[in-house]
Structure formats: C-alpha cells, structure tokens
C-alpha cells in the first residue's frame, strides 16, 4: 500500500478545480455566443423586413 502525500492530494484537487473552472468558462462562452447569435438573427430579420417590405406599407 502506497502512502499518498498531502501535496499529491492538493495537486489533484487543484487539477480538478482548474478543469472545472475551464469547463465553466467554455459553457459561459457558448451561452454568450448563442445569445449573441440570437440577437444577431433577430436584428437581421428585422432589418430584412424593413428593407424588403415596400414603403407604402408604412404610410
């Protein structure tokens, strides 16, 4: 049976913490990208509606 040093446990905890925060960052980036894409899609849709729709509909 091997004895595990305190440093080994700490370093493995540190690795887990780094990986967890990395995954969290990736998730946040993906969420932001999805939100931005949605906003972009909506604004593009509005822009297309405004440009394609003949002007006599507005008056």
N, C-alpha and C. Protein backbone atom coordinates (compact mmCIF):
# COMPACT_ATOMS: atom_id res chain seq x y z
N UNK A 1 0.84 -1.19 0.00
CA UNK A 1 0.00 0.00 0.00
C UNK A 1 0.89 1.25 0.00
N UNK A 2 0.62 2.15 -0.92
CA UNK A 2 1.45 3.34 -1.01
C UNK A 2 0.84 4.47 -0.20
N UNK A 3 1.69 5.28 0.39
CA UNK A 3 1.19 6.42 1.15
C UNK A 3 1.08 7.61 0.21
N UNK A 4 -0.04 8.28 0.28
CA UNK A 4 -0.26 9.46 -0.56
C UNK A 4 0.10 10.69 0.24
N UNK A 5 1.01 11.49 -0.31
CA UNK A 5 1.42 12.71 0.38
C UNK A 5 0.37 13.79 0.30
N UNK A 6 0.46 14.74 1.22
CA UNK A 6 -0.51 15.84 1.23
C UNK A 6 -0.42 16.66 -0.06
N UNK A 7 0.80 16.81 -0.59
CA UNK A 7 1.00 17.58 -1.81
C UNK A 7 0.30 16.94 -3.02
N UNK A 8 0.33 15.60 -3.07
CA UNK A 8 -0.33 14.89 -4.16
C UNK A 8 -1.83 15.17 -4.15
N UNK A 9 -2.41 15.08 -2.95
CA UNK A 9 -3.86 15.33 -2.82
C UNK A 9 -4.17 16.77 -3.22
N UNK A 10 -3.35 17.71 -2.74
CA UNK A 10 -3.56 19.12 -3.07
C UNK A 10 -3.45 19.36 -4.56
N UNK A 11 -2.44 18.76 -5.19
CA UNK A 11 -2.25 19.00 -6.62
C UNK A 11 -3.40 18.38 -7.42
N UNK A 12 -3.91 17.23 -7.00
CA UNK A 12 -5.04 16.64 -7.73
C UNK A 12 -6.30 17.48 -7.53
N UNK A 13 -6.50 18.03 -6.32
CA UNK A 13 -7.62 18.95 -6.09
C UNK A 13 -7.50 20.17 -6.99
N UNK A 14 -6.26 20.68 -7.10
CA UNK A 14 -6.00 21.85 -7.92
C UNK A 14 -6.35 21.56 -9.38
N UNK A 15 -5.94 20.37 -9.86
CA UNK A 15 -6.25 19.98 -11.25
C UNK A 15 -7.76 19.96 -11.47
N UNK A 16 -8.47 19.36 -10.52
CA UNK A 16 -9.93 19.29 -10.63
C UNK A 16 -10.53 20.69 -10.68
N UNK A 17 -10.02 21.58 -9.81
CA UNK A 17 -10.53 22.95 -9.77
C UNK A 17 -10.27 23.67 -11.08
N UNK A 18 -9.07 23.47 -11.65
CA UNK A 18 -8.72 24.13 -12.92
C UNK A 18 -9.62 23.61 -14.04
N UNK A 19 -9.80 22.30 -14.09
CA UNK A 19 -10.64 21.71 -15.14
C UNK A 19 -12.08 22.20 -15.00
N UNK A 20 -12.58 22.24 -13.75
CA UNK A 20 -13.95 22.70 -13.51
C UNK A 20 -14.14 24.13 -13.97
N UNK A 21 -13.20 25.01 -13.61
CA UNK A 21 -13.34 26.41 -13.99
C UNK A 21 -13.19 26.56 -15.50
N UNK A 22 -12.35 25.74 -16.13
CA UNK A 22 -12.19 25.77 -17.58
C UNK A 22 -13.50 25.40 -18.26
N UNK A 23 -14.13 24.31 -17.79
CA UNK A 23 -15.42 23.89 -18.35
C UNK A 23 -16.48 24.97 -18.16
N UNK A 24 -16.45 25.60 -17.00
CA UNK A 24 -17.40 26.68 -16.70
C UNK A 24 -17.21 27.83 -17.68
N UNK A 25 -15.94 28.20 -17.93
CA UNK A 25 -15.65 29.28 -18.88
C UNK A 25 -16.14 28.93 -20.27
N UNK A 26 -15.88 27.70 -20.70
CA UNK A 26 -16.33 27.25 -22.02
C UNK A 26 -17.85 27.37 -22.11
N UNK A 27 -18.54 26.91 -21.05
CA UNK A 27 -20.01 26.95 -21.03
C UNK A 27 -20.50 28.39 -21.13
N UNK A 28 -19.86 29.30 -20.38
CA UNK A 28 -20.25 30.71 -20.43
C UNK A 28 -20.04 31.29 -21.82
N UNK A 29 -18.91 30.95 -22.44
CA UNK A 29 -18.62 31.44 -23.79
C UNK A 29 -19.69 30.94 -24.76
N UNK A 30 -20.06 29.66 -24.65
CA UNK A 30 -21.07 29.10 -25.54
C UNK A 30 -22.42 29.79 -25.33
N UNK A 31 -22.78 30.02 -24.07
CA UNK A 31 -24.02 30.72 -23.76
C UNK A 31 -24.04 32.11 -24.37
N UNK A 32 -22.93 32.83 -24.20
CA UNK A 32 -22.83 34.17 -24.77
C UNK A 32 -22.92 34.14 -26.29
N UNK A 33 -22.26 33.16 -26.91
CA UNK A 33 -22.30 33.06 -28.36
C UNK A 33 -23.71 32.78 -28.85
N UNK A 34 -24.41 31.88 -28.13
CA UNK A 34 -25.78 31.57 -28.52
C UNK A 34 -26.67 32.80 -28.40
N UNK A 35 -26.50 33.55 -27.30
CA UNK A 35 -27.30 34.75 -27.08
C UNK A 35 -27.00 35.79 -28.16
N UNK A 36 -25.71 35.97 -28.46
CA UNK A 36 -25.32 36.94 -29.49
C UNK A 36 -25.89 36.53 -30.85
N UNK A 37 -25.83 35.25 -31.15
CA UNK A 37 -26.35 34.75 -32.42
C UNK A 37 -27.85 35.01 -32.51
N UNK A 38 -28.55 34.81 -31.39
CA UNK A 38 -29.99 35.04 -31.36
C UNK A 38 -30.30 36.52 -31.59
N UNK A 39 -29.57 37.38 -30.90
CA UNK A 39 -29.75 38.83 -31.07
C UNK A 39 -29.47 39.21 -32.52
N UNK A 40 -28.37 38.68 -33.06
CA UNK A 40 -28.00 38.99 -34.44
C UNK A 40 -29.08 38.53 -35.40
N UNK A 41 -29.59 37.31 -35.16
CA UNK A 41 -30.62 36.76 -36.05
C UNK A 41 -31.88 37.63 -36.01
N UNK A 42 -32.27 38.03 -34.79
CA UNK A 42 -33.47 38.87 -34.65
C UNK A 42 -33.29 40.21 -35.35
N UNK A 43 -32.13 40.83 -35.14
CA UNK A 43 -31.91 42.15 -35.74
C UNK A 43 -31.80 42.04 -37.26
N UNK A 44 -31.19 40.94 -37.73
CA UNK A 44 -31.10 40.73 -39.17
C UNK A 44 -32.49 40.55 -39.76
N UNK A 45 -33.32 39.79 -39.07
CA UNK A 45 -34.68 39.54 -39.51
C UNK A 45 -35.46 40.84 -39.60
N UNK A 46 -35.34 41.66 -38.55
CA UNK A 46 -36.00 42.97 -38.54
C UNK A 46 -35.50 43.83 -39.69
N UNK A 47 -34.18 43.83 -39.88
CA UNK A 47 -33.57 44.63 -40.95
C UNK A 47 -34.10 44.19 -42.31
N UNK A 48 -34.16 42.88 -42.51
CA UNK A 48 -34.66 42.37 -43.80
C UNK A 48 -36.12 42.73 -44.00
N UNK A 49 -36.91 42.62 -42.94
CA UNK A 49 -38.32 43.01 -43.02
C UNK A 49 -38.45 44.47 -43.43
N UNK A 50 -37.64 45.31 -42.80
CA UNK A 50 -37.72 46.75 -43.07
C UNK A 50 -37.24 47.07 -44.49
N UNK A 51 -36.24 46.35 -44.98
CA UNK A 51 -35.70 46.69 -46.30
C UNK A 51 -36.51 46.07 -47.42
N UNK A 52 -37.03 44.86 -47.19
CA UNK A 52 -37.75 44.18 -48.27
C UNK A 52 -39.18 44.70 -48.41
N UNK A 53 -39.81 45.00 -47.26
CA UNK A 53 -41.19 45.44 -47.28
C UNK A 53 -41.32 46.75 -48.06
N UNK A 54 -42.21 46.81 -49.03
CA UNK A 54 -42.39 48.05 -49.80
C UNK A 54 -42.79 49.21 -48.88
N UNK A 55 -42.36 50.40 -49.25
CA UNK A 55 -42.53 51.55 -48.36
C UNK A 55 -43.99 51.96 -48.19
N UNK A 56 -44.85 51.59 -49.12
CA UNK A 56 -46.26 52.04 -48.99
C UNK A 56 -46.98 51.33 -47.86
N UNK A 57 -46.36 50.28 -47.28
CA UNK A 57 -46.97 49.63 -46.11
C UNK A 57 -46.82 50.50 -44.87
N UNK A 58 -45.83 51.36 -44.84
CA UNK A 58 -45.56 52.15 -43.63
C UNK A 58 -46.52 53.32 -43.49
N UNK A 59 -46.90 53.92 -44.60
CA UNK A 59 -47.71 55.14 -44.50
C UNK A 59 -49.17 54.83 -44.21
